[in-house]
Each structure stands twice: as C-alpha cells, then as structure tokens.
C-alpha atoms as a PDB file:
ATOM      1  CA  UNK A   1     123.964-194.498 -70.951  1.00  0.00           C
ATOM      2  CA  UNK A   2     122.045-194.459 -67.714  1.00  0.00           C
ATOM      3  CA  UNK A   3     123.485-194.324 -64.257  1.00  0.00           C
ATOM      4  CA  UNK A   4     123.923-197.990 -63.449  1.00  0.00           C
ATOM      5  CA  UNK A   5     127.007-199.817 -62.207  1.00  0.00           C
ATOM      6  CA  UNK A   6     128.836-200.004 -65.555  1.00  0.00           C
ATOM      7  CA  UNK A   7     128.191-196.336 -66.270  1.00  0.00           C
ATOM      8  CA  UNK A   8     129.519-195.299 -62.872  1.00  0.00           C
ATOM      9  CA  UNK A   9     132.674-197.374 -63.342  1.00  0.00           C
ATOM     10  CA  UNK A  10     133.244-195.875 -66.792  1.00  0.00           C
ATOM     11  CA  UNK A  11     132.668-192.411 -65.370  1.00  0.00           C
ATOM     12  CA  UNK A  12     135.095-192.985 -62.469  1.00  0.00           C
ATOM     13  CA  UNK A  13     137.839-194.210 -64.803  1.00  0.00           C
ATOM     14  CA  UNK A  14     137.482-191.357 -67.285  1.00  0.00           C
ATOM     15  CA  UNK A  15     137.433-188.812 -64.484  1.00  0.00           C
ATOM     16  CA  UNK A  16     140.626-190.251 -63.008  1.00  0.00           C
ATOM     17  CA  UNK A  17     142.456-190.375 -66.338  1.00  0.00           C
ATOM     18  CA  UNK A  18     141.416-186.830 -67.242  1.00  0.00           C
ATOM     19  CA  UNK A  19     142.692-185.515 -63.895  1.00  0.00           C
ATOM     20  CA  UNK A  20     146.025-187.313 -64.341  1.00  0.00           C
ATOM     21  CA  UNK A  21     146.832-186.044 -67.836  1.00  0.00           C
ATOM     22  CA  UNK A  22     145.883-189.208 -69.711  1.00  0.00           C
ATOM     23  CA  UNK A  23     144.309-188.423 -73.073  1.00  0.00           C
ATOM     24  CA  UNK A  24     140.660-189.463 -72.889  1.00  0.00           C
ATOM     25  CA  UNK A  25     138.273-189.605 -75.830  1.00  0.00           C
ATOM     26  CA  UNK A  26     134.689-190.644 -75.294  1.00  0.00           C
ATOM     27  CA  UNK A  27     133.098-192.092 -78.433  1.00  0.00           C
ATOM     28  CA  UNK A  28     129.334-191.727 -78.112  1.00  0.00           C
ATOM     29  CA  UNK A  29     126.621-193.576 -79.943  1.00  0.00           C
ATOM     30  CA  UNK A  30     124.069-192.765 -77.232  1.00  0.00           C
ATOM     31  CA  UNK A  31     123.711-188.982 -76.884  1.00  0.00           C
ATOM     32  CA  UNK A  32     122.205-189.223 -73.382  1.00  0.00           C
ATOM     33  CA  UNK A  33     125.662-190.186 -72.134  1.00  0.00           C
ATOM     34  CA  UNK A  34     126.641-186.521 -72.169  1.00  0.00           C
ATOM     35  CA  UNK A  35     124.624-186.007 -68.996  1.00  0.00           C
ATOM     36  CA  UNK A  36     127.067-188.264 -67.160  1.00  0.00           C
ATOM     37  CA  UNK A  37     130.103-186.283 -68.153  1.00  0.00           C
ATOM     38  CA  UNK A  38     128.994-182.694 -67.821  1.00  0.00           C
ATOM     39  CA  UNK A  39     131.690-181.906 -65.242  1.00  0.00           C
ATOM     40  CA  UNK A  40     134.675-183.425 -67.074  1.00  0.00           C
ATOM     41  CA  UNK A  41     136.440-180.595 -68.915  1.00  0.00           C
ATOM     42  CA  UNK A  42     139.434-182.612 -70.141  1.00  0.00           C
ATOM     43  CA  UNK A  43     137.528-185.310 -72.018  1.00  0.00           C
ATOM     44  CA  UNK A  44     137.296-185.145 -75.789  1.00  0.00           C
ATOM     45  CA  UNK A  45     133.777-186.184 -76.849  1.00  0.00           C
ATOM     46  CA  UNK A  46     133.001-187.508 -80.325  1.00  0.00           C
ATOM     47  CA  UNK A  47     129.469-188.341 -81.392  1.00  0.00           C
ATOM     48  CA  UNK A  48     128.290-190.789 -84.038  1.00  0.00           C
ATOM     49  CA  UNK A  49     124.906-191.418 -85.590  1.00  0.00           C
ATOM     50  CA  UNK A  50     125.628-195.000 -86.710  1.00  0.00           C
ATOM     51  CA  UNK A  51     127.586-197.958 -85.341  1.00  0.00           C
ATOM     52  CA  UNK A  52     129.366-198.236 -88.712  1.00  0.00           C
ATOM     53  CA  UNK A  53     130.864-194.753 -88.345  1.00  0.00           C
ATOM     54  CA  UNK A  54     131.836-195.448 -84.756  1.00  0.00           C
ATOM     55  CA  UNK A  55     133.520-198.733 -85.688  1.00  0.00           C
ATOM     56  CA  UNK A  56     135.436-197.015 -88.490  1.00  0.00           C
ATOM     57  CA  UNK A  57     136.620-194.246 -86.148  1.00  0.00           C
ATOM     58  CA  UNK A  58     138.084-196.883 -83.819  1.00  0.00           C
ATOM     59  CA  UNK A  59     140.086-198.522 -86.618  1.00  0.00           C
ATOM     60  CA  UNK A  60     143.439-199.875 -85.421  1.00  0.00           C
ATOM     61  CA  UNK A  61     142.856-198.925 -81.772  1.00  0.00           C
ATOM     62  CA  UNK A  62     142.376-200.913 -78.565  1.00  0.00           C
ATOM     63  CA  UNK A  63     138.871-200.467 -77.184  1.00  0.00           C
ATOM     64  CA  UNK A  64     137.184-201.553 -73.946  1.00  0.00           C
ATOM     65  CA  UNK A  65     133.514-202.358 -74.457  1.00  0.00           C
ATOM     66  CA  UNK A  66     131.051-201.799 -71.603  1.00  0.00           C
ATOM     67  CA  UNK A  67     127.929-202.521 -73.675  1.00  0.00           C
ATOM     68  CA  UNK A  68     127.266-206.033 -75.013  1.00  0.00           C
ATOM     69  CA  UNK A  69     124.890-205.302 -77.936  1.00  0.00           C
ATOM     70  CA  UNK A  70     127.002-202.464 -79.328  1.00  0.00           C
ATOM     71  CA  UNK A  71     130.166-204.499 -78.738  1.00  0.00           C
ATOM     72  CA  UNK A  72     128.845-207.347 -80.868  1.00  0.00           C
ATOM     73  CA  UNK A  73     127.950-204.955 -83.681  1.00  0.00           C
ATOM     74  CA  UNK A  74     131.340-203.259 -83.485  1.00  0.00           C
ATOM     75  CA  UNK A  75     133.372-206.446 -83.576  1.00  0.00           C
ATOM     76  CA  UNK A  76     131.354-207.819 -86.509  1.00  0.00           C
ATOM     77  CA  UNK A  77     131.911-204.616 -88.476  1.00  0.00           C
ATOM     78  CA  UNK A  78     135.598-204.601 -87.570  1.00  0.00           C
ATOM     79  CA  UNK A  79     136.058-208.122 -88.918  1.00  0.00           C
ATOM     80  CA  UNK A  80     133.883-207.496 -91.971  1.00  0.00           C
ATOM     81  CA  UNK A  81     135.695-204.314 -93.058  1.00  0.00           C
ATOM     82  CA  UNK A  82     139.128-205.311 -91.682  1.00  0.00           C
ATOM     83  CA  UNK A  83     139.456-202.371 -89.305  1.00  0.00           C
ATOM     84  CA  UNK A  84     141.934-204.382 -87.159  1.00  0.00           C
ATOM     85  CA  UNK A  85     140.500-203.006 -83.924  1.00  0.00           C
ATOM     86  CA  UNK A  86     141.375-204.796 -80.688  1.00  0.00           C
ATOM     87  CA  UNK A  87     138.173-205.259 -78.721  1.00  0.00           C
ATOM     88  CA  UNK A  88     138.300-205.912 -74.976  1.00  0.00           C
ATOM     89  CA  UNK A  89     135.028-206.990 -73.379  1.00  0.00           C
ATOM     90  CA  UNK A  90     134.234-206.008 -69.798  1.00  0.00           C
ATOM     91  CA  UNK A  91     131.782-208.551 -68.432  1.00  0.00           C
ATOM     92  CA  UNK A  92     129.289-207.751 -65.683  1.00  0.00           C
ATOM     93  CA  UNK A  93     125.934-209.369 -64.856  1.00  0.00           C
ATOM     94  CA  UNK A  94     124.821-209.778 -68.472  1.00  0.00           C
ATOM     95  CA  UNK A  95     126.152-213.335 -68.792  1.00  0.00           C
ATOM     96  CA  UNK A  96     124.213-214.433 -65.735  1.00  0.00           C
ATOM     97  CA  UNK A  97     121.011-212.862 -67.043  1.00  0.00           C
ATOM     98  CA  UNK A  98     121.521-214.866 -70.231  1.00  0.00           C
ATOM     99  CA  UNK A  99     122.320-218.145 -68.503  1.00  0.00           C
ATOM    100  CA  UNK A 100     119.606-217.973 -65.857  1.00  0.00           C
ATOM    101  CA  UNK A 101     116.776-215.691 -67.016  1.00  0.00           C
ATOM    102  CA  UNK A 102     114.224-214.487 -64.496  1.00  0.00           C
ATOM    103  CA  UNK A 103     111.466-217.116 -64.345  1.00  0.00           C
ATOM    104  CA  UNK A 104     108.982-214.355 -63.600  1.00  0.00           C
ATOM    105  CA  UNK A 105     109.521-212.799 -67.011  1.00  0.00           C
ATOM    106  CA  UNK A 106     106.963-213.488 -69.750  1.00  0.00           C
ATOM    107  CA  UNK A 107     107.722-216.620 -71.758  1.00  0.00           C
ATOM    108  CA  UNK A 108     108.316-214.673 -74.969  1.00  0.00           C
ATOM    109  CA  UNK A 109     110.996-212.559 -73.278  1.00  0.00           C
ATOM    110  CA  UNK A 110     112.731-215.643 -71.900  1.00  0.00           C
ATOM    111  CA  UNK A 111     112.733-217.246 -75.363  1.00  0.00           C
ATOM    112  CA  UNK A 112     114.216-214.101 -76.903  1.00  0.00           C
ATOM    113  CA  UNK A 113     116.886-214.014 -74.197  1.00  0.00           C
ATOM    114  CA  UNK A 114     117.772-217.657 -74.859  1.00  0.00           C
ATOM    115  CA  UNK A 115     118.063-216.981 -78.596  1.00  0.00           C
ATOM    116  CA  UNK A 116     120.249-213.958 -77.895  1.00  0.00           C
ATOM    117  CA  UNK A 117     122.425-216.037 -75.573  1.00  0.00           C
ATOM    118  CA  UNK A 118     123.065-218.617 -78.278  1.00  0.00           C
ATOM    119  CA  UNK A 119     123.743-215.818 -80.757  1.00  0.00           C
ATOM    120  CA  UNK A 120     126.229-214.238 -78.365  1.00  0.00           C
ATOM    121  CA  UNK A 121     128.025-217.558 -77.882  1.00  0.00           C
ATOM    122  CA  UNK A 122     129.009-217.399 -81.535  1.00  0.00           C
ATOM    123  CA  UNK A 123     130.873-214.122 -81.109  1.00  0.00           C
ATOM    124  CA  UNK A 124     132.290-214.032 -77.579  1.00  0.00           C
ATOM    125  CA  UNK A 125     135.516-215.713 -78.676  1.00  0.00           C
ATOM    126  CA  UNK A 126     136.136-212.962 -81.233  1.00  0.00           C
ATOM    127  CA  UNK A 127     137.155-210.608 -78.430  1.00  0.00           C
ATOM    128  CA  UNK A 128     140.922-210.500 -78.082  1.00  0.00           C
ATOM    129  CA  UNK A 129     140.774-209.906 -74.329  1.00  0.00           C
ATOM    130  CA  UNK A 130     138.260-210.073 -71.522  1.00  0.00           C
ATOM    131  CA  UNK A 131     137.882-208.181 -68.238  1.00  0.00           C
ATOM    132  CA  UNK A 132     135.860-209.729 -65.419  1.00  0.00           C
ATOM    133  CA  UNK A 133     135.029-208.380 -61.978  1.00  0.00           C
ATOM    134  CA  UNK A 134     136.021-211.368 -59.864  1.00  0.00           C
ATOM    135  CA  UNK A 135     137.432-214.893 -59.888  1.00  0.00           C
ATOM    136  CA  UNK A 136     133.979-216.467 -59.986  1.00  0.00           C
ATOM    137  CA  UNK A 137     133.239-214.732 -63.283  1.00  0.00           C
ATOM    138  CA  UNK A 138     136.629-215.786 -64.633  1.00  0.00           C
ATOM    139  CA  UNK A 139     135.921-219.437 -63.853  1.00  0.00           C
ATOM    140  CA  UNK A 140     132.554-219.075 -65.561  1.00  0.00           C
ATOM    141  CA  UNK A 141     134.143-217.718 -68.739  1.00  0.00           C
ATOM    142  CA  UNK A 142     136.671-220.546 -68.831  1.00  0.00           C
ATOM    143  CA  UNK A 143     134.159-223.284 -68.037  1.00  0.00           C
ATOM    144  CA  UNK A 144     131.091-222.089 -69.916  1.00  0.00           C
ATOM    145  CA  UNK A 145     132.571-220.206 -72.844  1.00  0.00           C
ATOM    146  CA  UNK A 146     135.923-222.002 -73.194  1.00  0.00           C
ATOM    147  CA  UNK A 147     137.904-218.763 -73.054  1.00  0.00           C
ATOM    148  CA  UNK A 148     141.635-219.212 -72.431  1.00  0.00           C
ATOM    149  CA  UNK A 149     142.713-218.014 -68.991  1.00  0.00           C
ATOM    150  CA  UNK A 150     145.553-215.892 -70.370  1.00  0.00           C
ATOM    151  CA  UNK A 151     142.996-213.773 -72.214  1.00  0.00           C
ATOM    152  CA  UNK A 152     141.123-212.901 -69.011  1.00  0.00           C
ATOM    153  CA  UNK A 153     142.037-210.150 -66.553  1.00  0.00           C
ATOM    154  CA  UNK A 154     140.305-209.864 -63.179  1.00  0.00           C
ATOM    155  CA  UNK A 155     139.726-206.194 -62.375  1.00  0.00           C
ATOM    156  CA  UNK A 156     137.196-205.340 -59.654  1.00  0.00           C
ATOM    157  CA  UNK A 157     135.110-202.192 -59.651  1.00  0.00           C
ATOM    158  CA  UNK A 158     136.756-199.034 -58.306  1.00  0.00           C
ATOM    159  CA  UNK A 159     135.493-197.099 -55.313  1.00  0.00           C
ATOM    160  CA  UNK A 160     135.216-193.328 -55.316  1.00  0.00           C
ATOM    161  CA  UNK A 161     137.737-191.798 -52.914  1.00  0.00           C
ATOM    162  CA  UNK A 162     134.938-189.801 -51.290  1.00  0.00           C
ATOM    163  CA  UNK A 163     133.468-192.995 -49.830  1.00  0.00           C
ATOM    164  CA  UNK A 164     136.810-194.203 -48.499  1.00  0.00           C
ATOM    165  CA  UNK A 165     137.432-190.882 -46.766  1.00  0.00           C
ATOM    166  CA  UNK A 166     133.936-190.633 -45.274  1.00  0.00           C
ATOM    167  CA  UNK A 167     133.479-190.946 -41.529  1.00  0.00           C
ATOM    168  CA  UNK A 168     130.501-193.158 -40.626  1.00  0.00           C
ATOM    169  CA  UNK A 169     127.908-191.991 -38.128  1.00  0.00           C
ATOM    170  CA  UNK A 170     126.163-194.052 -35.473  1.00  0.00           C
ATOM    171  CA  UNK A 171     122.403-193.730 -35.948  1.00  0.00           C
ATOM    172  CA  UNK A 172     120.315-193.108 -32.853  1.00  0.00           C
ATOM    173  CA  UNK A 173     117.824-195.713 -34.085  1.00  0.00           C
ATOM    174  CA  UNK A 174     118.913-198.915 -35.902  1.00  0.00           C
ATOM    175  CA  UNK A 175     118.558-198.212 -39.606  1.00  0.00           C
ATOM    176  CA  UNK A 176     118.772-200.891 -42.324  1.00  0.00           C
ATOM    177  CA  UNK A 177     119.554-199.486 -45.765  1.00  0.00           C
ATOM    178  CA  UNK A 178     118.606-201.003 -49.128  1.00  0.00           C
ATOM    179  CA  UNK A 179     119.941-199.342 -52.286  1.00  0.00           C
ATOM    180  CA  UNK A 180     119.134-200.738 -55.702  1.00  0.00           C
ATOM    181  CA  UNK A 181     116.502-201.350 -58.319  1.00  0.00           C
ATOM    182  CA  UNK A 182     113.103-202.287 -56.981  1.00  0.00           C
ATOM    183  CA  UNK A 183     112.891-205.689 -58.662  1.00  0.00           C
ATOM    184  CA  UNK A 184     112.024-209.210 -57.567  1.00  0.00           C
ATOM    185  CA  UNK A 185     115.455-210.428 -58.711  1.00  0.00           C
ATOM    186  CA  UNK A 186     116.984-208.023 -56.197  1.00  0.00           C
ATOM    187  CA  UNK A 187     115.250-209.864 -53.369  1.00  0.00           C
ATOM    188  CA  UNK A 188     113.189-206.859 -52.370  1.00  0.00           C
ATOM    189  CA  UNK A 189     110.070-208.962 -51.751  1.00  0.00           C
ATOM    190  CA  UNK A 190     112.098-211.157 -49.384  1.00  0.00           C
ATOM    191  CA  UNK A 191     113.147-208.064 -47.469  1.00  0.00           C
ATOM    192  CA  UNK A 192     109.575-206.802 -47.243  1.00  0.00           C
ATOM    193  CA  UNK A 193     108.400-210.267 -46.156  1.00  0.00           C
ATOM    194  CA  UNK A 194     110.732-210.420 -43.140  1.00  0.00           C
ATOM    195  CA  UNK A 195     110.077-206.836 -42.110  1.00  0.00           C
ATOM    196  CA  UNK A 196     107.246-207.905 -39.768  1.00  0.00           C
ATOM    197  CA  UNK A 197     109.738-210.056 -37.814  1.00  0.00           C
ATOM    198  CA  UNK A 198     112.178-207.209 -37.195  1.00  0.00           C
ATOM    199  CA  UNK A 199     111.978-204.860 -34.172  1.00  0.00           C
ATOM    200  CA  UNK A 200     109.324-202.193 -34.708  1.00  0.00           C
ATOM    201  CA  UNK A 201     111.535-199.366 -33.383  1.00  0.00           C
ATOM    202  CA  UNK A 202     114.022-199.910 -36.247  1.00  0.00           C
ATOM    203  CA  UNK A 203     113.920-198.088 -39.552  1.00  0.00           C
ATOM    204  CA  UNK A 204     114.144-199.566 -43.052  1.00  0.00           C
ATOM    205  CA  UNK A 205     115.387-197.069 -45.645  1.00  0.00           C
ATOM    206  CA  UNK A 206     114.772-198.077 -49.268  1.00  0.00           C
ATOM    207  CA  UNK A 207     116.302-196.135 -52.162  1.00  0.00           C
ATOM    208  CA  UNK A 208     115.652-196.951 -55.791  1.00  0.00           C
ATOM    209  CA  UNK A 209     113.227-197.141 -58.695  1.00  0.00           C
ATOM    210  CA  UNK A 210     111.479-200.080 -60.322  1.00  0.00           C
ATOM    211  CA  UNK A 211     108.173-201.843 -60.824  1.00  0.00           C
ATOM    212  CA  UNK A 212     108.021-202.949 -57.160  1.00  0.00           C
ATOM    213  CA  UNK A 213     107.793-199.343 -56.026  1.00  0.00           C
ATOM    214  CA  UNK A 214     104.072-199.861 -55.559  1.00  0.00           C
ATOM    215  CA  UNK A 215     104.801-202.734 -53.153  1.00  0.00           C
ATOM    216  CA  UNK A 216     107.180-200.539 -51.171  1.00  0.00           C
ATOM    217  CA  UNK A 217     104.664-197.702 -50.928  1.00  0.00           C
ATOM    218  CA  UNK A 218     101.944-200.158 -49.900  1.00  0.00           C
ATOM    219  CA  UNK A 219     104.153-201.633 -47.168  1.00  0.00           C
ATOM    220  CA  UNK A 220     105.062-198.123 -46.062  1.00  0.00           C
ATOM    221  CA  UNK A 221     101.443-197.537 -45.048  1.00  0.00           C
ATOM    222  CA  UNK A 222     101.416-200.505 -42.669  1.00  0.00           C
ATOM    223  CA  UNK A 223     102.679-200.305 -39.095  1.00  0.00           C
ATOM    224  CA  UNK A 224     104.048-203.861 -38.851  1.00  0.00           C
ATOM    225  CA  UNK A 225     107.791-203.939 -38.235  1.00  0.00           C
ATOM    226  CA  UNK A 226     110.291-201.104 -38.863  1.00  0.00           C
ATOM    227  CA  UNK A 227     109.106-197.838 -40.345  1.00  0.00           C
ATOM    228  CA  UNK A 228     109.852-197.692 -44.078  1.00  0.00           C
ATOM    229  CA  UNK A 229     111.515-194.537 -45.371  1.00  0.00           C
ATOM    230  CA  UNK A 230     111.455-194.421 -49.177  1.00  0.00           C
ATOM    231  CA  UNK A 231     113.487-192.252 -51.566  1.00  0.00           C
ATOM    232  CA  UNK A 232     113.735-192.250 -55.355  1.00  0.00           C
ATOM    233  CA  UNK A 233     117.060-193.359 -56.836  1.00  0.00           C
ATOM    234  CA  UNK A 234     119.758-190.715 -56.439  1.00  0.00           C
ATOM    235  CA  UNK A 235     123.469-190.330 -57.130  1.00  0.00           C
ATOM    236  CA  UNK A 236     123.858-188.444 -53.825  1.00  0.00           C
ATOM    237  CA  UNK A 237     123.979-191.584 -51.732  1.00  0.00           C
ATOM    238  CA  UNK A 238     126.884-190.994 -49.347  1.00  0.00           C
ATOM    239  CA  UNK A 239     124.907-189.561 -46.433  1.00  0.00           C
ATOM    240  CA  UNK A 240     122.510-192.507 -46.554  1.00  0.00           C
ATOM    241  CA  UNK A 241     125.432-194.905 -46.115  1.00  0.00           C
ATOM    242  CA  UNK A 242     126.888-192.843 -43.282  1.00  0.00           C
ATOM    243  CA  UNK A 243     123.612-192.914 -41.349  1.00  0.00           C
ATOM    244  CA  UNK A 244     122.917-196.638 -41.800  1.00  0.00           C
ATOM    245  CA  UNK A 245     123.465-199.378 -39.232  1.00  0.00           C
ATOM    246  CA  UNK A 246     124.007-201.902 -42.012  1.00  0.00           C
ATOM    247  CA  UNK A 247     123.323-202.266 -45.725  1.00  0.00           C
ATOM    248  CA  UNK A 248     121.340-205.201 -47.111  1.00  0.00           C
ATOM    249  CA  UNK A 249     121.379-206.639 -50.634  1.00  0.00           C
ATOM    250  CA  UNK A 250     119.243-209.805 -50.853  1.00  0.00           C
ATOM    251  CA  UNK A 251     119.840-210.070 -54.600  1.00  0.00           C
ATOM    252  CA  UNK A 252     119.498-213.359 -56.476  1.00  0.00           C
ATOM    253  CA  UNK A 253     121.968-212.345 -59.194  1.00  0.00           C
ATOM    254  CA  UNK A 254     124.921-209.937 -59.139  1.00  0.00           C
ATOM    255  CA  UNK A 255     128.223-209.202 -60.854  1.00  0.00           C
ATOM    256  CA  UNK A 256     130.195-207.004 -58.472  1.00  0.00           C
ATOM    257  CA  UNK A 257     127.648-204.842 -56.664  1.00  0.00           C
ATOM    258  CA  UNK A 258     128.842-201.283 -56.157  1.00  0.00           C
ATOM    259  CA  UNK A 259     126.360-200.911 -53.300  1.00  0.00           C
ATOM    260  CA  UNK A 260     128.309-203.389 -51.160  1.00  0.00           C
ATOM    261  CA  UNK A 261     131.673-201.847 -52.068  1.00  0.00           C
ATOM    262  CA  UNK A 262     130.494-198.316 -51.284  1.00  0.00           C
ATOM    263  CA  UNK A 263     128.902-199.308 -47.976  1.00  0.00           C
ATOM    264  CA  UNK A 264     132.033-201.160 -46.860  1.00  0.00           C
ATOM    265  CA  UNK A 265     134.209-198.218 -47.955  1.00  0.00           C
ATOM    266  CA  UNK A 266     132.194-196.001 -45.609  1.00  0.00           C
ATOM    267  CA  UNK A 267     132.749-198.514 -42.800  1.00  0.00           C
ATOM    268  CA  UNK A 268     129.303-200.084 -42.693  1.00  0.00           C
ATOM    269  CA  UNK A 269     128.688-203.860 -42.438  1.00  0.00           C
ATOM    270  CA  UNK A 270     126.695-205.499 -45.215  1.00  0.00           C
ATOM    271  CA  UNK A 271     124.308-208.450 -45.413  1.00  0.00           C
ATOM    272  CA  UNK A 272     123.733-210.201 -48.748  1.00  0.00           C
ATOM    273  CA  UNK A 273     122.514-213.405 -50.302  1.00  0.00           C
ATOM    274  CA  UNK A 274     125.311-215.746 -51.377  1.00  0.00           C
ATOM    275  CA  UNK A 275     124.343-215.731 -55.062  1.00  0.00           C
ATOM    276  CA  UNK A 276     126.437-217.104 -57.939  1.00  0.00           C
ATOM    277  CA  UNK A 277     128.821-214.169 -58.114  1.00  0.00           C
ATOM    278  CA  UNK A 278     129.501-210.858 -56.415  1.00  0.00           C
ATOM    279  CA  UNK A 279     128.816-210.805 -52.665  1.00  0.00           C
ATOM    280  CA  UNK A 280     130.979-213.869 -51.966  1.00  0.00           C
ATOM    281  CA  UNK A 281     133.893-212.098 -53.673  1.00  0.00           C
ATOM    282  CA  UNK A 282     133.450-208.971 -51.529  1.00  0.00           C
ATOM    283  CA  UNK A 283     132.193-210.071 -48.126  1.00  0.00           C
ATOM    284  CA  UNK A 284     134.624-211.400 -45.524  1.00  0.00           C
ATOM    285  CA  UNK A 285     132.245-213.066 -43.048  1.00  0.00           C
ATOM    286  CA  UNK A 286     132.203-211.421 -39.596  1.00  0.00           C
ATOM    287  CA  UNK A 287     134.786-208.853 -40.736  1.00  0.00           C
ATOM    288  CA  UNK A 288     132.847-206.625 -43.140  1.00  0.00           C
ATOM    289  CA  UNK A 289     129.500-208.388 -43.314  1.00  0.00           C
ATOM    290  CA  UNK A 290     127.471-211.584 -43.421  1.00  0.00           C
ATOM    291  CA  UNK A 291     126.601-213.975 -46.255  1.00  0.00           C
ATOM    292  CA  UNK A 292     123.152-215.568 -46.263  1.00  0.00           C
ATOM    293  CA  UNK A 293     122.219-218.821 -48.070  1.00  0.00           C
ATOM    294  CA  UNK A 294     120.398-217.861 -51.250  1.00  0.00           C
ATOM    295  CA  UNK A 295     116.683-217.381 -50.649  1.00  0.00           C
ATOM    296  CA  UNK A 296     116.749-218.236 -46.926  1.00  0.00           C
ATOM    297  CA  UNK A 297     114.559-215.503 -45.454  1.00  0.00           C
ATOM    298  CA  UNK A 298     114.828-216.799 -41.900  1.00  0.00           C
ATOM    299  CA  UNK A 299     118.621-216.557 -41.893  1.00  0.00           C
ATOM    300  CA  UNK A 300     118.357-213.204 -43.675  1.00  0.00           C
ATOM    301  CA  UNK A 301     116.295-211.902 -40.759  1.00  0.00           C
ATOM    302  CA  UNK A 302     118.689-213.364 -38.195  1.00  0.00           C
ATOM    303  CA  UNK A 303     121.695-211.930 -40.035  1.00  0.00           C
ATOM    304  CA  UNK A 304     120.208-208.437 -40.062  1.00  0.00           C
ATOM    305  CA  UNK A 305     119.649-208.634 -36.314  1.00  0.00           C
ATOM    306  CA  UNK A 306     123.210-209.880 -35.818  1.00  0.00           C
ATOM    307  CA  UNK A 307     124.613-207.157 -38.072  1.00  0.00           C
ATOM    308  CA  UNK A 308     122.832-204.429 -36.116  1.00  0.00           C
ATOM    309  CA  UNK A 309     123.777-205.806 -32.699  1.00  0.00           C
ATOM    310  CA  UNK A 310     127.399-206.788 -33.435  1.00  0.00           C
ATOM    311  CA  UNK A 311     130.203-204.424 -32.415  1.00  0.00           C
ATOM    312  CA  UNK A 312     131.991-204.021 -35.770  1.00  0.00           C
ATOM    313  CA  UNK A 313     135.420-202.488 -36.338  1.00  0.00           C
ATOM    314  CA  UNK A 314     135.048-199.657 -38.831  1.00  0.00           C
ATOM    315  CA  UNK A 315     138.792-199.790 -39.535  1.00  0.00           C
ATOM    316  CA  UNK A 316     138.698-203.514 -40.339  1.00  0.00           C
ATOM    317  CA  UNK A 317     135.628-203.068 -42.531  1.00  0.00           C
ATOM    318  CA  UNK A 318     137.224-200.281 -44.560  1.00  0.00           C
ATOM    319  CA  UNK A 319     140.493-202.167 -44.834  1.00  0.00           C
ATOM    320  CA  UNK A 320     138.876-205.003 -46.815  1.00  0.00           C
ATOM    321  CA  UNK A 321     138.289-202.819 -49.884  1.00  0.00           C
ATOM    322  CA  UNK A 322     141.550-200.869 -50.081  1.00  0.00           C
ATOM    323  CA  UNK A 323     142.476-202.825 -53.238  1.00  0.00           C
ATOM    324  CA  UNK A 324     139.513-201.127 -54.963  1.00  0.00           C
ATOM    325  CA  UNK A 325     141.085-197.664 -54.822  1.00  0.00           C
ATOM    326  CA  UNK A 326     140.620-195.886 -58.150  1.00  0.00           C
ATOM    327  CA  UNK A 327     144.331-195.405 -58.936  1.00  0.00           C
ATOM    328  CA  UNK A 328     144.969-199.153 -58.615  1.00  0.00           C
ATOM    329  CA  UNK A 329     142.012-200.086 -60.812  1.00  0.00           C
ATOM    330  CA  UNK A 330     142.810-197.414 -63.412  1.00  0.00           C
ATOM    331  CA  UNK A 331     146.367-198.715 -63.801  1.00  0.00           C
ATOM    332  CA  UNK A 332     145.051-202.251 -64.332  1.00  0.00           C
ATOM    333  CA  UNK A 333     142.776-201.079 -67.135  1.00  0.00           C
ATOM    334  CA  UNK A 334     145.676-199.278 -68.809  1.00  0.00           C
ATOM    335  CA  UNK A 335     147.755-202.406 -68.422  1.00  0.00           C
ATOM    336  CA  UNK A 336     145.195-204.451 -70.342  1.00  0.00           C
ATOM    337  CA  UNK A 337     145.129-201.931 -73.188  1.00  0.00           C
ATOM    338  CA  UNK A 338     148.919-201.764 -73.381  1.00  0.00           C
ATOM    339  CA  UNK A 339     149.577-205.523 -73.204  1.00  0.00           C
END
C-alpha cells in the first residue's frame, strides 16, 4: 500500500476502531503496508505470501476490499473453494479510469485497460455489497453495471479530526495551493497555462510527485505570473492548508478527492473542475468553493481570482463537511458489515 486516498481512508478507519476498542485485524498481502500502521499498537497484523492463503484465512467472514485486482482474485478463490466469504467492494476512481482511459496513454496501455475493464465486468456482480463515495458513483453502478440499489451504500471519505479543529490563517500574500499527483489528468498543465494571467504578486504552492515535476520545475524558473513554490509529496500537509488563500484541483477525473475535503475542513475555499464525479458532490457553490466547467481555463482563472478576493465565512465552509467526521463514517462501515 502507498499513501494515496484509499490508503489514508483505510488508515483512518483502523485507527478509529483501534482507539474505540473494536477488534481490528489487518490482513496483509503487501508487506510495505506496515509502514502505514507503525503507530497503531492495538491492530493485529497478519501477513500472507499468497492470495490463496489470504482468501482461506478470510473464510466465512465479511471483508471490505479496497484493492480491485486483489479483490477479484479473492472473490474467485472464495467461490472456487467455497470459502463462503462475504466480499464488500469499496469503489473509488478505478471505474472511471476503466471507462474513460487517459487518451495520452500509449495505445497498448489503453487496450490492456479496455480488456481489463471487460474482464472486471464479468465479476463485479459477484460482490455481495458495494460501497461508493457519492450519489454520482451510485448512479453509475446502477446504470453501467446493473447493480441493484439495495446492494449499494453511499459512504463518503472521512476527515481527520485534526483538520476540523485547525484554525486557518490569513496569508499576507495571496497563495493558491495545489496538492496532488503531478499528472496531466489532474489538470496541472491547465493550472500552469493560466499562471501567466494571474497577478504576479501572488504565490502558487504546488505539492506532489509525478512525471510533470519537470514541467513544474521549468515553470518555477520563469518570472511570469505568481511565484511557484514546490514541495515533494508529504503527509504533513496541514500547515500548507492553513496558509493557503484557496485550494485548486483542476482534475479531469476524481472519485471523492480528500484534498478538497481536507481544505474545506480547515476552512479554506476550493476551486475545482466539474468532472464526472467528486467535486460536484463536495462543493456548495459560493459557500465552500467554486465549480468550473470541465477544461475551461478562462473560467478557471476567473474563479481563482474570485476565490481569493471573496470574503468567505470560515464557519460556513467548515460546516459543509461535518457529515464527514470519522465517527459517523466508521459507524456506517460497521453497519454495512453487520447488515
């Protein structure tokens, strides 16, 4: 496991359960996952060298799957060897990557993704239950995959209490913050393209890793538009949110972006493209942020200016994500397993 959105959600849930005397066992097939959980003393960790052994260990239990490839293998083995395991699939952005692959990818990768998508279609209905992050994803499952609505639970991502309790700061110089992978699909090139049209006394803070890092560093050397401040990806992100004027996510594809949730929890307005899923389920226009028509760089620029100049209510911004508190989300996950 890395330290992406799904891993952080899994980590938040396990941490909460362990602190509240819920028995937690982490079944690991990927040994690197231990790095995520080094500070959880009350979690029982079991390691497996093969998927077959892992699937057998889960016999007769209810399991939430955060990883598509391993989930498919597990459910096939469960059916094949009659382990009678109840598999619950938590869906994130993977379905959208399958349905609308990045056109900038090499043709062979897009073909492989299409083949995998059709392969996955054969097995998605084998899951007894499904968890999605928002209503848009639920409608997609019903429409595209013909999953019955009663099998789908909508459970948004939780927000760490630290973000909700944080007090935002007012930067002395307008500071736009981007947090995420440095990829074309994240709209980073759009952001760099409009930089020259933004006030030069602003700052643009970019945090993340990815193959467009070279583009960021190249732009950093130019003096057109706001100064670019670049940092490698880090888990210690809170202070960056607190010192931002607004947070931007011009992504072309999202599930339920933690970046937007965390920024709003700190009391900062957000600006994001209105892609298929995610931002539209989080952003309340003119209350906690602004939605931009997908790919419209001119309106993206105008929205950033409006976000910086608008007098936002930190209380109203924070209030829009109170339903994402960890204890509420954790109870919903338990409810799915118990039902």
